[in-house]
Amino acid sequence: MGSSRVPRFGRHRPNHCVKSANERQHHVGRAEGTQQFVVAPAGRQLDAGRPATPPRALIRHARRRTGGSGNTRQSHRRDAIDPHRTRSPACTHTGDRAPTPATSGSAVNPDRPVPITTTALTTACHRSHFAPFPAMRLATHWRQLVMGLVSAAFAASLVSWGAPLGAHARVTALPEALYAVAPIERHLRADFQSPHTVLLAFTASWPEAFDTMLVAITTSSRALIVLERTQSMSQLADWLSAFSESVRDKVQVSDIVVDTPWVRDYGPLELRAEDGDTVWLDASYHADRPADDDTPSALALRLGRALVPVAAPLEGGAIASNGDGFCVSTHEYFAERGLTPTDDATSAKLTAALGCESLVLVPALAREPTKHVDILVQFVAEDSVLVASIDPALDPIGAKRLDLAAATLKAAAAHDDITLAVHRITIPRIEGPRYYTYVNALRLPHAYLVPSYNAVNRSDQAQAYRDLSQALPGVPLVPVPADKMLALEGAVHCAAVGLDHEIGANDVYPTGLQAF
């Protein structure tokens, strides 16, 4: 197989991959009527000479529905329980004019395409719209007090963080909340929900990892393989011939060609309804990776799946869900992609479109280039989450950021009536932008595929595995060689997507070579 080294964030292949830092190319979304989502690169002057402003920690709350069992948790707007909380009118930008009050919008139908148009907000607009949790006054509700204390701790820590982080990594204040009410019919699928099928891209970038992953996946699920553009069907045939018939029987090969092997980021996002019905979301992807961007629609066409275009540049590795509407992403990802909502109506559309009733933003790791949340957070149950940790002696800034992420998730979950168990999994080694994370893993029905690194001390890796086993009692861990993946800015979770779609017997070929 020929060499194919395509970084997840595009640092080494500028002709085919999005550039990093301030040279990042625009994401261009799908047009819906006259509206289109276009995101400016970091630092670009967007409005009347004002620089793009990073978002605050946003928690979008949508109205919970009470299920027939009566056990479904019921959320409500903070305004109704805190009469002392005040909020200013939402802000929007109109050309060079000052921010003007925004009109409220109706709830969005998640079954329809959702064009979202946003611009960067000025600091003044942030302050007038996002009413902060008051850390220094007596709260009328205990949850508000918890969030306020976390806010105060973070504000104090910013004093020591600011200089080393760089402009692209700074955040303004945390946590603050914006409440957008909208009905949610379907929730974003959680990683711990066992997949019927796992999507992979055949690549020469990490052959040992691919071998391990395919054998593990076909033990309890089916594998659907697309081709990275540097590979051929004959190369795939040669590779598959080395596997047993029991493995090949559970492999389906597609003639879909992709630009990169990072299927997590451009593959379909799956929303699930209470009755088990699912739809796929197709978010916009990098304009200079058109084959990747076309993958969800190509798969939906071949498999007969409902597809909902979402005109927002949201990559699969940038969002995590507990499967019940509680989601998390990072400040920096939202800031760099221009996803900061300008008003409640826009926020409601975004959260409803993504199948999230609450969307919490936590700090990303400062030097990690993708700013994806799957480097540091993964849910292993509705009320249990893995959060990475770092020894302060190794990286004091990273340690503070991860501690803050854990505290923010726990406080936000408490606000949403979730008693969240937070399991800390140590990142034992850092090399420049490479964080040797064990959170970036893949849940299968029978096992948990976890990264394994030759560069990490054996005792440190063994400790990480012990911590994972405590968080996942009774679930076998399957180590996957991930050094080559990490060199290209990803790991196990980034290279696979679990789907509820079950490939029928007529769709699976014993040779694993026929394209559908």
Protein backbone atom coordinates (compact mmCIF):
# COMPACT_ATOMS: atom_id res chain seq x y z
CA MET A 1 0.00 0.00 0.00
CA GLY A 2 1.24 3.45 -0.82
CA SER A 3 1.98 6.00 1.83
CA SER A 4 -0.88 8.25 2.82
CA ARG A 5 -0.20 10.68 5.61
CA VAL A 6 -3.06 13.12 5.86
CA PRO A 7 -3.21 15.00 9.15
CA ARG A 8 -6.57 15.41 10.80
CA PHE A 9 -6.18 19.19 10.92
CA GLY A 10 -4.15 19.60 7.75
CA ARG A 11 -0.79 20.82 8.97
CA HIS A 12 1.31 18.74 6.55
CA ARG A 13 -0.80 18.69 3.38
CA PRO A 14 -1.87 22.31 2.73
CA ASN A 15 -3.09 21.53 -0.79
CA HIS A 16 -5.71 19.11 0.52
CA CYS A 17 -6.20 20.03 4.15
CA VAL A 18 -7.37 23.03 6.10
CA LYS A 19 -4.54 25.23 7.35
CA SER A 20 -3.94 25.84 11.03
CA ALA A 21 -4.03 28.96 13.19
CA ASN A 22 -4.85 32.26 11.47
CA GLU A 23 -4.30 30.84 7.98
CA ARG A 24 -7.31 28.56 8.32
CA GLN A 25 -9.43 28.53 5.19
CA HIS A 26 -13.14 29.23 5.28
CA HIS A 27 -15.71 26.57 5.91
CA VAL A 28 -18.50 27.05 3.41
CA GLY A 29 -21.87 25.55 4.28
CA ARG A 30 -24.78 24.52 2.13
CA ALA A 31 -27.08 27.21 0.85
CA GLU A 32 -30.71 27.17 1.90
CA GLY A 33 -32.60 29.80 -0.06
CA THR A 34 -30.47 32.91 0.17
CA GLN A 35 -28.87 31.96 3.48
CA GLN A 36 -25.48 30.34 3.75
CA PHE A 37 -23.10 29.67 6.61
CA VAL A 38 -19.64 31.13 5.95
CA VAL A 39 -17.06 31.18 8.71
CA ALA A 40 -14.14 33.56 8.80
CA PRO A 41 -10.63 32.46 9.77
CA ALA A 42 -9.45 33.15 13.28
CA GLY A 43 -8.55 36.79 13.86
CA ARG A 44 -10.25 38.16 10.75
CA GLN A 45 -11.99 41.53 11.10
CA LEU A 46 -15.63 40.66 10.68
CA ASP A 47 -17.72 43.67 11.57
CA ALA A 48 -16.86 47.36 11.52
CA GLY A 49 -13.22 46.67 12.31
CA ARG A 50 -14.02 44.51 15.30
CA PRO A 51 -12.01 41.29 15.73
CA ALA A 52 -13.74 37.96 16.15
CA THR A 53 -14.53 37.35 19.80
CA PRO A 54 -14.30 33.92 21.42
CA PRO A 55 -17.55 32.66 22.89
CA ARG A 56 -18.39 32.34 26.52
CA ALA A 57 -19.30 29.02 28.04
CA LEU A 58 -22.70 28.35 26.62
CA ILE A 59 -25.25 25.93 27.95
CA ARG A 60 -28.25 25.71 25.69
CA HIS A 61 -31.29 24.41 27.49
CA ALA A 62 -34.29 23.14 25.58
CA ARG A 63 -37.54 22.01 27.12
CA ARG A 64 -37.48 18.38 28.25
CA ARG A 65 -40.36 16.15 27.39
CA THR A 66 -41.81 13.93 30.11
CA GLY A 67 -41.98 10.34 28.92
CA GLY A 68 -44.73 7.86 29.56
CA SER A 69 -42.82 6.27 32.41
CA GLY A 70 -42.67 9.55 34.24
CA ASN A 71 -38.94 9.13 34.79
CA THR A 72 -37.72 11.48 32.09
CA ARG A 73 -36.10 14.48 33.73
CA GLN A 74 -37.86 17.77 33.22
CA SER A 75 -35.84 20.94 32.63
CA HIS A 76 -37.10 24.46 32.75
CA ARG A 77 -35.82 27.92 32.04
CA ARG A 78 -33.77 29.48 34.79
CA ASP A 79 -35.80 32.68 34.41
CA ALA A 80 -38.80 30.91 35.89
CA ILE A 81 -37.00 29.83 39.06
CA ASP A 82 -34.72 32.81 39.59
CA PRO A 83 -36.76 36.02 39.71
CA HIS A 84 -33.62 38.01 40.46
CA ARG A 85 -31.88 36.99 37.25
CA THR A 86 -32.00 39.73 34.63
CA ARG A 87 -31.18 39.45 30.99
CA SER A 88 -30.75 42.04 28.31
CA PRO A 89 -32.23 41.75 24.81
CA ALA A 90 -30.42 39.44 22.44
CA CYS A 91 -28.04 41.07 20.00
CA THR A 92 -27.56 40.80 16.29
CA HIS A 93 -25.27 42.69 13.96
CA THR A 94 -26.55 44.67 11.00
CA GLY A 95 -23.74 45.78 8.74
CA ASP A 96 -21.67 48.48 10.44
CA ARG A 97 -24.43 49.47 12.83
CA ALA A 98 -24.40 48.87 16.54
CA PRO A 99 -26.00 45.69 17.88
CA THR A 100 -29.77 45.74 17.74
CA PRO A 101 -32.31 43.67 19.68
CA ALA A 102 -33.12 40.36 18.02
CA THR A 103 -36.61 39.07 17.55
CA SER A 104 -37.48 35.72 18.99
CA GLY A 105 -37.82 32.75 16.67
CA SER A 106 -40.02 29.72 16.65
CA ALA A 107 -38.89 26.23 17.53
CA VAL A 108 -37.03 24.46 14.77
CA ASN A 109 -38.13 21.19 13.24
CA PRO A 110 -35.10 18.88 13.44
CA ASP A 111 -36.34 16.92 10.43
CA ARG A 112 -35.74 19.85 8.10
CA PRO A 113 -32.53 21.48 6.88
CA VAL A 114 -31.43 24.12 9.36
CA PRO A 115 -29.54 27.04 7.81
CA ILE A 116 -27.82 28.99 10.56
CA THR A 117 -26.31 32.40 9.91
CA THR A 118 -24.10 33.83 12.64
CA THR A 119 -21.41 36.46 12.98
CA ALA A 120 -18.87 37.13 15.67
CA LEU A 121 -20.22 39.13 18.57
CA THR A 122 -18.51 42.16 20.05
CA THR A 123 -17.60 42.11 23.71
CA ALA A 124 -20.29 44.68 24.36
CA CYS A 125 -22.91 42.45 22.79
CA HIS A 126 -21.67 39.51 24.85
CA ARG A 127 -22.06 41.50 28.04
CA SER A 128 -25.53 42.72 27.23
CA HIS A 129 -26.87 39.35 26.10
CA PHE A 130 -25.26 36.66 28.22
CA ALA A 131 -26.23 37.38 31.82
CA PRO A 132 -23.47 35.81 33.97
CA PHE A 133 -23.97 33.61 36.96
CA PRO A 134 -23.32 35.96 39.93
CA ALA A 135 -20.44 34.45 41.87
CA MET A 136 -20.23 37.19 44.48
CA ARG A 137 -23.87 37.51 45.56
CA LEU A 138 -26.18 35.12 47.35
CA ALA A 139 -27.89 32.95 44.78
CA THR A 140 -31.55 32.12 45.15
CA HIS A 141 -30.93 28.63 43.86
CA TRP A 142 -28.19 26.25 44.99
CA ARG A 143 -27.28 25.18 41.48
CA GLN A 144 -26.70 28.79 40.50
CA LEU A 145 -24.37 29.16 43.47
CA VAL A 146 -22.36 26.11 42.36
CA MET A 147 -21.97 27.51 38.87
CA GLY A 148 -21.06 30.89 40.30
CA LEU A 149 -18.27 29.42 42.40
CA VAL A 150 -16.82 27.64 39.37
CA SER A 151 -17.05 30.93 37.46
CA ALA A 152 -15.14 32.77 40.16
CA ALA A 153 -12.43 30.11 40.27
CA PHE A 154 -12.00 30.26 36.52
CA ALA A 155 -11.88 34.06 36.45
CA ALA A 156 -9.08 33.98 39.01
CA SER A 157 -7.15 31.35 37.06
CA LEU A 158 -7.28 33.43 33.87
CA VAL A 159 -4.86 35.90 35.41
CA SER A 160 -2.11 33.30 35.44
CA TRP A 161 -3.14 31.61 32.17
CA GLY A 162 -3.53 34.46 29.75
CA ALA A 163 -0.03 35.12 28.51
CA PRO A 164 1.12 31.57 27.71
CA LEU A 165 -2.06 30.49 25.95
CA GLY A 166 -1.93 32.80 22.95
CA ALA A 167 -4.81 34.76 21.47
CA HIS A 168 -6.39 31.77 19.76
CA ALA A 169 -6.69 29.85 23.04
CA ARG A 170 -8.05 32.51 25.40
CA VAL A 171 -11.57 32.31 26.70
CA THR A 172 -13.46 35.16 28.29
CA ALA A 173 -15.49 33.92 31.24
CA LEU A 174 -16.86 30.64 32.46
CA PRO A 175 -19.40 29.45 33.09
CA GLU A 176 -22.25 31.57 31.81
CA ALA A 177 -25.43 30.24 30.34
CA LEU A 178 -27.83 31.04 27.56
CA TYR A 179 -31.21 29.35 27.68
CA ALA A 180 -32.87 28.60 24.36
CA VAL A 181 -36.18 26.76 24.55
CA ALA A 182 -37.12 24.42 21.71
CA PRO A 183 -38.73 20.98 21.49
CA ILE A 184 -36.28 18.15 20.85
CA GLU A 185 -37.67 15.15 18.98
CA ARG A 186 -34.38 13.27 18.62
CA HIS A 187 -31.15 13.18 20.61
CA LEU A 188 -27.60 12.96 19.32
CA ARG A 189 -26.34 9.41 19.56
CA ALA A 190 -23.92 8.67 22.38
CA ASP A 191 -20.62 6.89 21.84
CA PHE A 192 -21.43 4.24 24.44
CA GLN A 193 -24.57 3.17 22.58
CA SER A 194 -23.48 -0.04 20.86
CA PRO A 195 -23.33 0.27 17.07
CA HIS A 196 -24.69 -2.23 14.57
CA THR A 197 -22.20 -0.97 11.97
CA VAL A 198 -18.88 0.86 12.22
CA LEU A 199 -17.72 3.10 9.37
CA LEU A 200 -14.00 3.02 8.51
CA ALA A 201 -11.84 4.44 5.73
CA PHE A 202 -9.23 2.09 4.24
CA THR A 203 -5.87 3.81 4.60
CA ALA A 204 -2.16 3.03 4.55
CA SER A 205 -1.50 5.56 7.30
CA TRP A 206 -1.84 3.09 10.19
CA PRO A 207 -2.01 -0.55 8.96
CA GLU A 208 -1.41 -2.15 12.38
CA ALA A 209 -4.21 -0.15 13.95
CA PHE A 210 -6.56 -0.92 11.06
CA ASP A 211 -5.91 -4.66 11.42
CA THR A 212 -6.65 -4.58 15.15
CA MET A 213 -9.75 -2.44 14.76
CA LEU A 214 -11.27 -4.57 11.99
CA VAL A 215 -10.91 -7.83 13.91
CA ALA A 216 -12.40 -6.27 17.05
CA ILE A 217 -15.27 -4.57 15.21
CA THR A 218 -16.34 -7.70 13.31
CA THR A 219 -16.48 -9.68 16.55
CA SER A 220 -19.75 -8.00 17.52
CA SER A 221 -20.67 -5.56 14.72
CA ARG A 222 -20.30 -5.12 10.99
CA ALA A 223 -17.71 -2.97 9.24
CA LEU A 224 -18.52 -0.63 6.37
CA ILE A 225 -15.35 0.44 4.55
CA VAL A 226 -14.87 3.38 2.21
CA LEU A 227 -11.66 4.06 0.28
CA GLU A 228 -9.18 6.83 0.95
CA ARG A 229 -8.39 8.38 -2.42
CA THR A 230 -4.76 7.22 -2.38
CA GLN A 231 -5.89 3.57 -2.18
CA SER A 232 -7.41 1.22 -4.75
CA MET A 233 -9.91 -1.61 -4.65
CA SER A 234 -7.18 -4.09 -5.57
CA GLN A 235 -5.09 -2.94 -2.60
CA LEU A 236 -8.09 -3.40 -0.36
CA ALA A 237 -8.69 -6.88 -1.82
CA ASP A 238 -5.10 -7.89 -1.08
CA TRP A 239 -5.40 -6.60 2.47
CA LEU A 240 -8.72 -8.34 3.16
CA SER A 241 -7.45 -11.66 1.80
CA ALA A 242 -5.25 -12.02 4.88
CA PHE A 243 -8.28 -12.14 7.20
CA SER A 244 -10.41 -15.13 8.03
CA GLU A 245 -13.72 -15.73 6.32
CA SER A 246 -15.54 -14.97 9.59
CA VAL A 247 -14.10 -11.45 9.46
CA ARG A 248 -14.73 -10.94 5.75
CA ASP A 249 -18.35 -12.08 6.15
CA LYS A 250 -18.99 -9.01 8.28
CA VAL A 251 -17.30 -6.52 5.96
CA GLN A 252 -19.05 -4.44 3.35
CA VAL A 253 -16.94 -2.39 0.94
CA SER A 254 -18.24 0.75 -0.69
CA ASP A 255 -17.05 2.41 -3.87
CA ILE A 256 -17.24 5.78 -2.09
CA VAL A 257 -13.86 7.53 -2.21
CA VAL A 258 -12.84 9.95 0.55
CA ASP A 259 -10.05 12.49 0.94
CA THR A 260 -8.89 11.51 4.44
CA PRO A 261 -9.35 8.61 6.87
CA TRP A 262 -10.84 10.77 9.66
CA VAL A 263 -14.38 9.46 9.21
CA ARG A 264 -15.45 10.60 12.67
CA ASP A 265 -15.20 14.22 11.62
CA TYR A 266 -17.06 14.13 8.29
CA GLY A 267 -19.23 11.03 8.69
CA PRO A 268 -22.94 11.31 9.45
CA LEU A 269 -24.04 12.44 12.90
CA GLU A 270 -26.90 10.24 14.06
CA LEU A 271 -30.02 11.42 15.91
CA ARG A 272 -32.24 8.90 17.69
CA ALA A 273 -35.89 9.28 18.68
CA GLU A 274 -37.45 7.58 21.70
CA ASP A 275 -39.09 5.00 19.43
CA GLY A 276 -35.71 4.07 17.95
CA ASP A 277 -36.20 5.95 14.69
CA THR A 278 -32.99 7.59 13.46
CA VAL A 279 -31.98 10.27 11.00
CA TRP A 280 -28.53 11.35 9.88
CA LEU A 281 -27.17 14.87 10.01
CA ASP A 282 -24.89 16.16 7.27
CA ALA A 283 -22.91 19.13 8.57
CA SER A 284 -20.71 21.20 6.28
CA TYR A 285 -17.05 20.17 6.16
CA HIS A 286 -13.82 21.64 4.80
CA ALA A 287 -14.31 23.12 1.34
CA ASP A 288 -10.94 21.74 0.20
CA ARG A 289 -11.98 18.17 1.14
CA PRO A 290 -15.03 17.80 -1.13
CA ALA A 291 -15.05 13.99 -1.15
CA ASP A 292 -15.11 13.92 2.64
CA ASP A 293 -17.89 16.49 2.65
CA ASP A 294 -19.98 14.40 0.23
CA THR A 295 -19.67 11.17 2.23
CA PRO A 296 -22.83 11.43 4.39
CA SER A 297 -25.05 12.15 1.38
CA ALA A 298 -23.41 9.39 -0.67
CA LEU A 299 -23.92 6.86 2.13
CA ALA A 300 -27.50 7.98 2.75
CA LEU A 301 -28.30 7.54 -0.94
CA ARG A 302 -26.87 4.02 -1.06
CA LEU A 303 -28.38 2.88 2.24
CA GLY A 304 -31.74 4.62 1.91
CA ARG A 305 -31.33 6.74 5.03
CA ALA A 306 -33.02 10.04 5.83
CA LEU A 307 -30.46 12.85 5.71
CA VAL A 308 -30.85 16.32 7.23
CA PRO A 309 -28.37 18.95 5.98
CA VAL A 310 -27.14 21.30 8.70
CA ALA A 311 -25.46 24.45 7.45
CA ALA A 312 -22.90 24.62 10.24
CA PRO A 313 -19.26 23.47 10.22
CA LEU A 314 -19.55 20.91 13.01
CA GLU A 315 -17.18 17.95 12.94
CA GLY A 316 -18.05 14.71 14.69
CA GLY A 317 -15.02 14.82 16.96
CA ALA A 318 -16.02 18.29 18.14
CA ILE A 319 -19.16 17.22 20.01
CA ALA A 320 -19.98 14.51 22.54
CA SER A 321 -23.38 13.44 23.86
CA ASN A 322 -24.76 11.38 26.71
CA GLY A 323 -27.53 10.15 24.41
CA ASP A 324 -30.21 11.99 26.40
CA GLY A 325 -29.70 15.53 25.14
CA PHE A 326 -26.74 16.57 27.32
CA CYS A 327 -23.87 17.55 24.99
CA VAL A 328 -20.42 19.09 25.26
CA SER A 329 -18.01 20.87 22.92
CA THR A 330 -15.13 23.33 23.42
CA HIS A 331 -14.91 27.11 23.57
CA GLU A 332 -12.15 27.29 21.03
CA TYR A 333 -13.89 25.15 18.44
CA PHE A 334 -17.00 27.31 18.56
CA ALA A 335 -14.93 30.49 18.43
CA GLU A 336 -12.76 29.44 15.50
CA ARG A 337 -15.76 28.20 13.47
CA GLY A 338 -17.88 31.28 14.18
CA LEU A 339 -20.60 29.24 15.87
CA THR A 340 -21.33 31.79 18.59
CA PRO A 341 -25.11 32.33 18.52
CA THR A 342 -26.21 35.93 18.18
CA ASP A 343 -29.61 35.45 19.80
CA ASP A 344 -31.89 32.95 21.49
CA ALA A 345 -33.59 31.97 18.24
CA THR A 346 -30.28 31.09 16.59
CA SER A 347 -29.20 29.18 19.68
CA ALA A 348 -32.46 27.24 19.70
CA LYS A 349 -32.01 26.29 16.05
CA LEU A 350 -28.46 25.13 16.57
CA THR A 351 -29.15 22.99 19.63
CA ALA A 352 -32.34 21.49 18.23
CA ALA A 353 -30.60 20.70 14.95
CA LEU A 354 -27.83 18.86 16.81
CA GLY A 355 -30.18 16.90 19.05
CA CYS A 356 -28.92 18.61 22.19
CA GLU A 357 -31.10 19.95 24.98
CA SER A 358 -28.05 21.27 26.83
CA LEU A 359 -24.79 22.16 25.13
CA VAL A 360 -21.88 22.88 27.46
CA LEU A 361 -18.63 24.45 26.27
CA VAL A 362 -15.42 23.58 28.09
CA PRO A 363 -11.82 24.71 27.47
CA ALA A 364 -9.83 22.83 24.84
CA LEU A 365 -6.20 21.89 25.33
CA ALA A 366 -4.15 24.94 24.41
CA ARG A 367 -1.66 23.35 22.00
CA GLU A 368 -3.95 20.69 20.51
CA PRO A 369 -4.68 21.86 16.94
CA THR A 370 -8.16 20.45 16.26
CA LYS A 371 -9.79 21.86 19.43
CA HIS A 372 -12.00 18.77 19.38
CA VAL A 373 -13.67 17.63 22.55
CA ASP A 374 -13.02 13.93 21.85
CA ILE A 375 -9.40 14.45 22.90
CA LEU A 376 -10.49 15.16 26.47
CA VAL A 377 -14.10 14.02 27.06
CA GLN A 378 -16.15 10.89 26.33
CA PHE A 379 -19.41 9.71 27.87
CA VAL A 380 -19.49 6.05 28.90
CA ALA A 381 -23.08 6.19 30.21
CA GLU A 382 -25.85 8.77 30.48
CA ASP A 383 -24.55 9.72 33.92
CA SER A 384 -20.87 8.82 33.57
CA VAL A 385 -18.12 10.59 31.66
CA LEU A 386 -14.38 10.25 31.10
CA VAL A 387 -12.40 13.49 31.39
CA ALA A 388 -8.68 13.58 30.73
CA SER A 389 -6.27 14.88 33.34
CA ILE A 390 -2.66 16.05 33.27
CA ASP A 391 -0.04 16.20 35.99
CA PRO A 392 0.52 19.92 36.72
CA ALA A 393 4.25 19.25 36.73
CA LEU A 394 3.98 18.16 33.10
CA ASP A 395 1.68 20.94 31.90
CA PRO A 396 0.26 23.34 34.52
CA ILE A 397 -1.96 25.16 32.02
CA GLY A 398 -3.34 21.96 30.54
CA ALA A 399 -3.97 20.60 34.03
CA LYS A 400 -6.01 23.69 34.97
CA ARG A 401 -8.00 23.54 31.76
CA LEU A 402 -8.91 19.90 32.22
CA ASP A 403 -9.79 20.39 35.89
CA LEU A 404 -12.05 23.23 34.82
CA ALA A 405 -13.65 21.06 32.13
CA ALA A 406 -14.45 18.39 34.73
CA ALA A 407 -15.86 20.93 37.20
CA THR A 408 -17.94 22.64 34.51
CA LEU A 409 -19.45 19.37 33.30
CA LYS A 410 -20.36 18.31 36.82
CA ALA A 411 -21.94 21.68 37.66
CA ALA A 412 -23.84 21.86 34.37
CA ALA A 413 -25.10 18.32 34.84
CA ALA A 414 -26.30 19.17 38.35
CA HIS A 415 -28.18 22.11 36.88
CA ASP A 416 -29.82 19.64 34.50
CA ASP A 417 -30.72 17.23 37.32
CA ILE A 418 -28.03 14.71 36.37
CA THR A 419 -25.79 13.23 39.04
CA LEU A 420 -22.73 12.89 36.83
CA ALA A 421 -19.85 10.58 37.72
CA VAL A 422 -16.61 12.06 36.38
CA HIS A 423 -13.71 9.65 35.86
CA ARG A 424 -10.31 11.24 35.34
CA ILE A 425 -7.98 9.48 32.89
CA THR A 426 -4.39 10.71 32.89
CA ILE A 427 -2.56 11.96 29.79
CA PRO A 428 0.95 10.78 30.74
CA ARG A 429 2.93 12.31 27.88
CA ILE A 430 2.90 15.47 25.76
CA GLU A 431 5.06 16.19 22.70
CA GLY A 432 4.37 19.63 21.28
CA PRO A 433 0.77 19.51 20.00
CA ARG A 434 0.47 15.76 20.67
CA TYR A 435 -1.39 14.76 23.80
CA TYR A 436 -1.19 11.02 24.45
CA THR A 437 -4.85 10.68 25.37
CA TYR A 438 -6.68 7.50 26.36
CA VAL A 439 -10.12 9.12 26.24
CA ASN A 440 -10.17 9.05 22.42
CA ALA A 441 -11.55 5.49 22.28
CA LEU A 442 -14.32 3.48 20.58
CA ARG A 443 -17.12 1.58 22.34
CA LEU A 444 -18.24 -1.70 20.80
CA PRO A 445 -20.96 -4.05 22.07
CA HIS A 446 -18.40 -6.42 23.57
CA ALA A 447 -15.31 -4.28 24.21
CA TYR A 448 -13.70 -0.86 24.41
CA LEU A 449 -11.03 -0.04 21.80
CA VAL A 450 -8.40 2.14 23.48
CA PRO A 451 -5.22 3.78 22.15
CA SER A 452 -1.89 2.11 22.86
CA TYR A 453 1.31 4.14 22.52
CA ASN A 454 4.86 2.85 22.20
CA ALA A 455 6.08 6.29 23.24
CA VAL A 456 4.38 6.05 26.65
CA ASN A 457 6.03 4.41 29.63
CA ARG A 458 4.51 0.96 30.20
CA SER A 459 3.65 1.63 33.83
CA ASP A 460 1.91 4.90 32.93
CA GLN A 461 -0.11 3.17 30.23
CA ALA A 462 -1.04 0.35 32.59
CA GLN A 463 -2.32 2.91 35.10
CA ALA A 464 -4.45 4.55 32.41
CA TYR A 465 -5.95 1.16 31.56
CA ARG A 466 -6.70 0.48 35.23
CA ASP A 467 -8.49 3.82 35.48
CA LEU A 468 -10.51 3.00 32.35
CA SER A 469 -11.44 -0.42 33.73
CA GLN A 470 -12.77 1.20 36.90
CA ALA A 471 -14.95 3.51 34.79
CA LEU A 472 -16.09 0.57 32.61
CA PRO A 473 -16.41 -2.40 34.97
CA GLY A 474 -16.68 -5.72 33.17
CA VAL A 475 -15.85 -4.27 29.74
CA PRO A 476 -12.69 -5.74 28.14
CA LEU A 477 -10.15 -3.23 26.82
CA VAL A 478 -8.65 -3.83 23.38
CA PRO A 479 -5.41 -1.84 22.86
CA VAL A 480 -5.02 -0.34 19.38
CA PRO A 481 -1.57 0.86 18.18
CA ALA A 482 -2.13 4.61 17.89
CA ASP A 483 1.29 6.28 17.58
CA LYS A 484 0.89 6.80 13.83
CA MET A 485 -2.62 8.13 14.32
CA LEU A 486 -1.46 10.60 16.94
CA ALA A 487 1.33 11.81 14.67
CA LEU A 488 -1.47 12.92 12.33
CA GLU A 489 -3.47 14.58 15.13
CA GLY A 490 -6.01 11.88 15.96
CA ALA A 491 -6.52 8.51 17.62
CA VAL A 492 -8.96 5.58 17.68
CA HIS A 493 -12.20 7.54 18.11
CA CYS A 494 -11.27 9.85 15.23
CA ALA A 495 -10.89 6.98 12.75
CA ALA A 496 -14.28 5.27 13.18
CA VAL A 497 -17.99 6.11 13.44
CA GLY A 498 -20.54 3.84 15.06
CA LEU A 499 -23.97 3.78 13.39
CA ASP A 500 -27.32 2.26 14.32
CA HIS A 501 -27.85 1.21 10.72
CA GLU A 502 -27.80 -2.57 10.42
CA ILE A 503 -26.52 -3.87 7.11
CA GLY A 504 -28.81 -6.64 5.88
CA ALA A 505 -27.69 -10.11 4.90
CA ASN A 506 -28.16 -9.27 1.23
CA ASP A 507 -25.78 -6.35 1.59
CA VAL A 508 -22.86 -8.34 2.98
CA TYR A 509 -20.60 -10.25 0.62
CA PRO A 510 -18.33 -13.11 1.76
CA THR A 511 -15.40 -11.78 -0.21
CA GLY A 512 -15.87 -8.29 1.16
CA LEU A 513 -14.96 -6.89 -2.26
CA GLN A 514 -18.20 -6.04 -4.02
CA ALA A 515 -19.12 -2.38 -3.96
CA PHE A 516 -22.69 -1.32 -3.38
